[in-house]
N, C-alpha and C. Protein backbone atom coordinates (compact mmCIF):
# COMPACT_ATOMS: atom_id res chain seq x y z
N MET A 1 -10.76 12.16 -138.69
CA MET A 1 -10.77 10.73 -138.51
C MET A 1 -11.89 10.13 -139.38
N ALA A 2 -11.55 9.13 -140.15
CA ALA A 2 -12.51 8.49 -141.04
C ALA A 2 -13.34 7.47 -140.27
N HIS A 3 -14.63 7.46 -140.54
CA HIS A 3 -15.54 6.52 -139.89
C HIS A 3 -15.97 5.45 -140.88
N ASP A 4 -16.38 4.32 -140.35
CA ASP A 4 -16.90 3.25 -141.20
C ASP A 4 -18.12 3.75 -141.96
N LEU A 5 -18.27 3.24 -143.17
CA LEU A 5 -19.41 3.57 -144.02
C LEU A 5 -20.15 2.29 -144.32
N THR A 6 -21.45 2.26 -144.01
CA THR A 6 -22.26 1.08 -144.27
C THR A 6 -23.35 1.43 -145.26
N LEU A 7 -23.42 0.62 -146.32
CA LEU A 7 -24.47 0.76 -147.34
C LEU A 7 -25.09 -0.61 -147.49
N GLY A 8 -26.27 -0.79 -146.94
CA GLY A 8 -26.90 -2.11 -146.98
C GLY A 8 -26.04 -3.11 -146.25
N ASN A 9 -25.62 -4.17 -146.94
CA ASN A 9 -24.80 -5.21 -146.31
C ASN A 9 -23.31 -5.04 -146.59
N LEU A 10 -22.93 -3.88 -147.15
CA LEU A 10 -21.53 -3.56 -147.43
C LEU A 10 -21.01 -2.58 -146.38
N THR A 11 -19.89 -2.89 -145.78
CA THR A 11 -19.25 -1.99 -144.83
C THR A 11 -17.83 -1.69 -145.31
N LEU A 12 -17.51 -0.40 -145.36
CA LEU A 12 -16.16 0.04 -145.71
C LEU A 12 -15.49 0.57 -144.46
N ARG A 13 -14.26 0.14 -144.23
CA ARG A 13 -13.48 0.56 -143.07
C ARG A 13 -12.25 1.31 -143.56
N PRO A 14 -12.38 2.65 -143.76
CA PRO A 14 -11.31 3.42 -144.37
C PRO A 14 -10.00 3.46 -143.58
N LEU A 15 -10.06 3.37 -142.26
CA LEU A 15 -8.83 3.42 -141.48
C LEU A 15 -7.90 2.25 -141.76
N VAL A 16 -8.47 1.13 -142.17
CA VAL A 16 -7.66 -0.06 -142.47
C VAL A 16 -7.81 -0.49 -143.93
N ALA A 17 -8.53 0.33 -144.73
CA ALA A 17 -8.75 0.04 -146.15
C ALA A 17 -9.28 -1.37 -146.38
N ARG A 18 -10.34 -1.72 -145.65
CA ARG A 18 -10.96 -3.04 -145.77
C ARG A 18 -12.44 -2.87 -146.06
N ALA A 19 -12.99 -3.83 -146.78
CA ALA A 19 -14.42 -3.87 -147.07
C ALA A 19 -14.97 -5.21 -146.62
N GLU A 20 -16.19 -5.20 -146.13
CA GLU A 20 -16.86 -6.42 -145.69
C GLU A 20 -18.24 -6.48 -146.31
N LEU A 21 -18.64 -7.68 -146.68
CA LEU A 21 -19.98 -7.93 -147.19
C LEU A 21 -20.62 -8.94 -146.27
N ASP A 22 -21.71 -8.54 -145.63
CA ASP A 22 -22.37 -9.38 -144.61
C ASP A 22 -21.39 -9.79 -143.53
N GLY A 23 -20.45 -8.90 -143.17
CA GLY A 23 -19.49 -9.17 -142.11
C GLY A 23 -18.29 -10.00 -142.53
N VAL A 24 -18.27 -10.44 -143.79
CA VAL A 24 -17.17 -11.25 -144.30
C VAL A 24 -16.20 -10.34 -145.06
N PRO A 25 -14.92 -10.31 -144.67
CA PRO A 25 -13.95 -9.45 -145.37
C PRO A 25 -13.83 -9.82 -146.84
N LEU A 26 -13.76 -8.80 -147.70
CA LEU A 26 -13.58 -9.00 -149.13
C LEU A 26 -12.09 -8.98 -149.44
N ASP A 27 -11.66 -9.86 -150.32
CA ASP A 27 -10.26 -9.93 -150.72
C ASP A 27 -10.07 -8.99 -151.91
N LEU A 28 -9.73 -7.73 -151.63
CA LEU A 28 -9.59 -6.71 -152.66
C LEU A 28 -8.16 -6.18 -152.69
N THR A 29 -7.71 -5.83 -153.89
CA THR A 29 -6.44 -5.13 -153.99
C THR A 29 -6.64 -3.70 -153.48
N HIS A 30 -5.56 -2.98 -153.30
CA HIS A 30 -5.65 -1.60 -152.85
C HIS A 30 -6.47 -0.76 -153.83
N ASP A 31 -6.19 -0.91 -155.13
CA ASP A 31 -6.94 -0.14 -156.13
C ASP A 31 -8.41 -0.53 -156.18
N GLU A 32 -8.71 -1.81 -156.03
CA GLU A 32 -10.11 -2.25 -156.01
C GLU A 32 -10.84 -1.65 -154.82
N TYR A 33 -10.18 -1.62 -153.66
CA TYR A 33 -10.80 -1.00 -152.48
C TYR A 33 -11.05 0.48 -152.73
N ARG A 34 -10.07 1.18 -153.27
CA ARG A 34 -10.21 2.61 -153.52
C ARG A 34 -11.36 2.88 -154.50
N LEU A 35 -11.48 2.05 -155.53
CA LEU A 35 -12.58 2.20 -156.49
C LEU A 35 -13.92 1.96 -155.81
N LEU A 36 -14.03 0.90 -155.04
CA LEU A 36 -15.28 0.60 -154.33
C LEU A 36 -15.64 1.73 -153.38
N ALA A 37 -14.67 2.24 -152.64
CA ALA A 37 -14.93 3.32 -151.69
C ALA A 37 -15.38 4.59 -152.42
N ALA A 38 -14.74 4.89 -153.54
CA ALA A 38 -15.13 6.08 -154.31
C ALA A 38 -16.55 5.95 -154.83
N LEU A 39 -16.90 4.78 -155.37
CA LEU A 39 -18.25 4.58 -155.89
C LEU A 39 -19.28 4.57 -154.77
N ALA A 40 -18.91 4.03 -153.61
CA ALA A 40 -19.84 3.99 -152.47
C ALA A 40 -20.18 5.41 -152.00
N ARG A 41 -19.21 6.31 -152.07
CA ARG A 41 -19.47 7.70 -151.66
C ARG A 41 -20.55 8.34 -152.52
N PHE A 42 -20.70 7.85 -153.74
CA PHE A 42 -21.69 8.39 -154.67
C PHE A 42 -22.76 7.35 -154.99
N ALA A 43 -23.11 6.54 -154.02
CA ALA A 43 -24.10 5.47 -154.20
C ALA A 43 -25.38 6.02 -154.81
N GLY A 44 -25.86 5.33 -155.83
CA GLY A 44 -27.10 5.73 -156.49
C GLY A 44 -26.90 6.76 -157.58
N GLU A 45 -25.66 7.23 -157.78
CA GLU A 45 -25.37 8.23 -158.81
C GLU A 45 -24.51 7.62 -159.90
N VAL A 46 -24.59 8.18 -161.07
CA VAL A 46 -23.70 7.78 -162.15
C VAL A 46 -22.38 8.52 -161.95
N VAL A 47 -21.28 7.79 -161.93
CA VAL A 47 -19.96 8.40 -161.76
C VAL A 47 -19.20 8.21 -163.07
N PRO A 48 -18.95 9.29 -163.80
CA PRO A 48 -18.25 9.17 -165.08
C PRO A 48 -16.82 8.66 -164.90
N TYR A 49 -16.31 7.97 -165.92
CA TYR A 49 -14.94 7.47 -165.89
C TYR A 49 -13.95 8.58 -165.57
N GLU A 50 -14.18 9.75 -166.15
CA GLU A 50 -13.27 10.87 -165.93
C GLU A 50 -13.18 11.23 -164.45
N ALA A 51 -14.32 11.24 -163.76
CA ALA A 51 -14.32 11.55 -162.33
C ALA A 51 -13.59 10.47 -161.55
N ILE A 52 -13.77 9.21 -161.94
CA ILE A 52 -13.06 8.11 -161.27
C ILE A 52 -11.55 8.28 -161.44
N GLY A 53 -11.12 8.60 -162.65
CA GLY A 53 -9.70 8.82 -162.90
C GLY A 53 -9.13 9.94 -162.05
N ARG A 54 -9.88 11.03 -161.91
CA ARG A 54 -9.42 12.15 -161.08
C ARG A 54 -9.40 11.79 -159.61
N MET A 55 -10.44 11.12 -159.12
CA MET A 55 -10.53 10.79 -157.69
C MET A 55 -9.45 9.80 -157.25
N LEU A 56 -9.21 8.81 -158.07
CA LEU A 56 -8.34 7.72 -157.65
C LEU A 56 -6.90 7.88 -158.07
N TRP A 57 -6.66 8.48 -159.21
CA TRP A 57 -5.30 8.52 -159.71
C TRP A 57 -4.82 9.93 -159.99
N SER A 58 -5.55 10.94 -159.53
CA SER A 58 -5.16 12.35 -159.70
C SER A 58 -4.78 12.70 -161.13
N GLU A 59 -5.50 12.11 -162.07
CA GLU A 59 -5.22 12.38 -163.48
C GLU A 59 -5.79 13.73 -163.87
N THR A 60 -5.15 14.35 -164.83
CA THR A 60 -5.67 15.59 -165.38
C THR A 60 -6.82 15.26 -166.33
N ARG A 61 -7.51 16.26 -166.74
CA ARG A 61 -8.70 16.07 -167.58
C ARG A 61 -8.42 15.22 -168.82
N GLY A 62 -7.33 15.43 -169.48
CA GLY A 62 -7.03 14.70 -170.71
C GLY A 62 -6.91 13.20 -170.52
N GLY A 63 -6.24 12.75 -169.48
CA GLY A 63 -6.02 11.32 -169.30
C GLY A 63 -6.94 10.66 -168.30
N ALA A 64 -7.75 11.45 -167.61
CA ALA A 64 -8.57 10.90 -166.53
C ALA A 64 -9.59 9.89 -167.03
N ARG A 65 -10.21 10.15 -168.15
CA ARG A 65 -11.24 9.23 -168.66
C ARG A 65 -10.63 7.87 -169.00
N ARG A 66 -9.50 7.88 -169.71
CA ARG A 66 -8.84 6.62 -170.07
C ARG A 66 -8.37 5.87 -168.82
N THR A 67 -7.80 6.61 -167.88
CA THR A 67 -7.30 5.98 -166.65
C THR A 67 -8.45 5.41 -165.83
N GLY A 68 -9.54 6.16 -165.71
CA GLY A 68 -10.70 5.67 -164.97
C GLY A 68 -11.29 4.44 -165.62
N ARG A 69 -11.39 4.46 -166.92
CA ARG A 69 -11.94 3.31 -167.66
C ARG A 69 -11.06 2.08 -167.47
N ALA A 70 -9.74 2.27 -167.56
CA ALA A 70 -8.80 1.16 -167.40
C ALA A 70 -8.88 0.59 -165.98
N GLY A 71 -9.01 1.46 -164.99
CA GLY A 71 -9.11 1.00 -163.60
C GLY A 71 -10.36 0.17 -163.35
N VAL A 72 -11.48 0.63 -163.91
CA VAL A 72 -12.73 -0.11 -163.77
C VAL A 72 -12.62 -1.46 -164.49
N ARG A 73 -12.03 -1.46 -165.68
CA ARG A 73 -11.85 -2.70 -166.44
C ARG A 73 -10.99 -3.72 -165.66
N ARG A 74 -9.88 -3.25 -165.04
CA ARG A 74 -9.03 -4.14 -164.26
C ARG A 74 -9.80 -4.71 -163.06
N ALA A 75 -10.59 -3.87 -162.39
CA ALA A 75 -11.36 -4.32 -161.23
C ALA A 75 -12.40 -5.37 -161.64
N ARG A 76 -13.04 -5.15 -162.78
CA ARG A 76 -14.04 -6.12 -163.25
C ARG A 76 -13.41 -7.47 -163.56
N ARG A 77 -12.20 -7.46 -164.11
CA ARG A 77 -11.50 -8.70 -164.44
C ARG A 77 -10.84 -9.32 -163.21
N GLY A 78 -10.66 -8.52 -162.17
CA GLY A 78 -10.03 -9.04 -160.96
C GLY A 78 -8.51 -9.07 -161.05
N ASP A 79 -7.93 -8.26 -161.93
CA ASP A 79 -6.48 -8.24 -162.03
C ASP A 79 -5.93 -6.86 -161.70
N GLY A 80 -6.52 -6.21 -160.69
CA GLY A 80 -6.05 -4.91 -160.25
C GLY A 80 -4.69 -4.99 -159.59
N SER A 81 -4.08 -3.85 -159.40
CA SER A 81 -2.74 -3.84 -158.79
C SER A 81 -2.80 -3.46 -157.34
């Protein structure tokens, strides 16, 4: 069973795939939530694009870096899927 994860004023609720900042729900796409949750698990660490691609989209080594980079770029622009 997944438990809530709190980092400072950010709370992730994995059972319902929701994130809150200061108790206010964030309007995130599914992929944006997954990216935020993956990065939160490694808070304070550098997470390479390749690792992001593998964690979120099960990409193989060859395509993981490009996929991870594209996912981060979409999240930054706010046009995730």
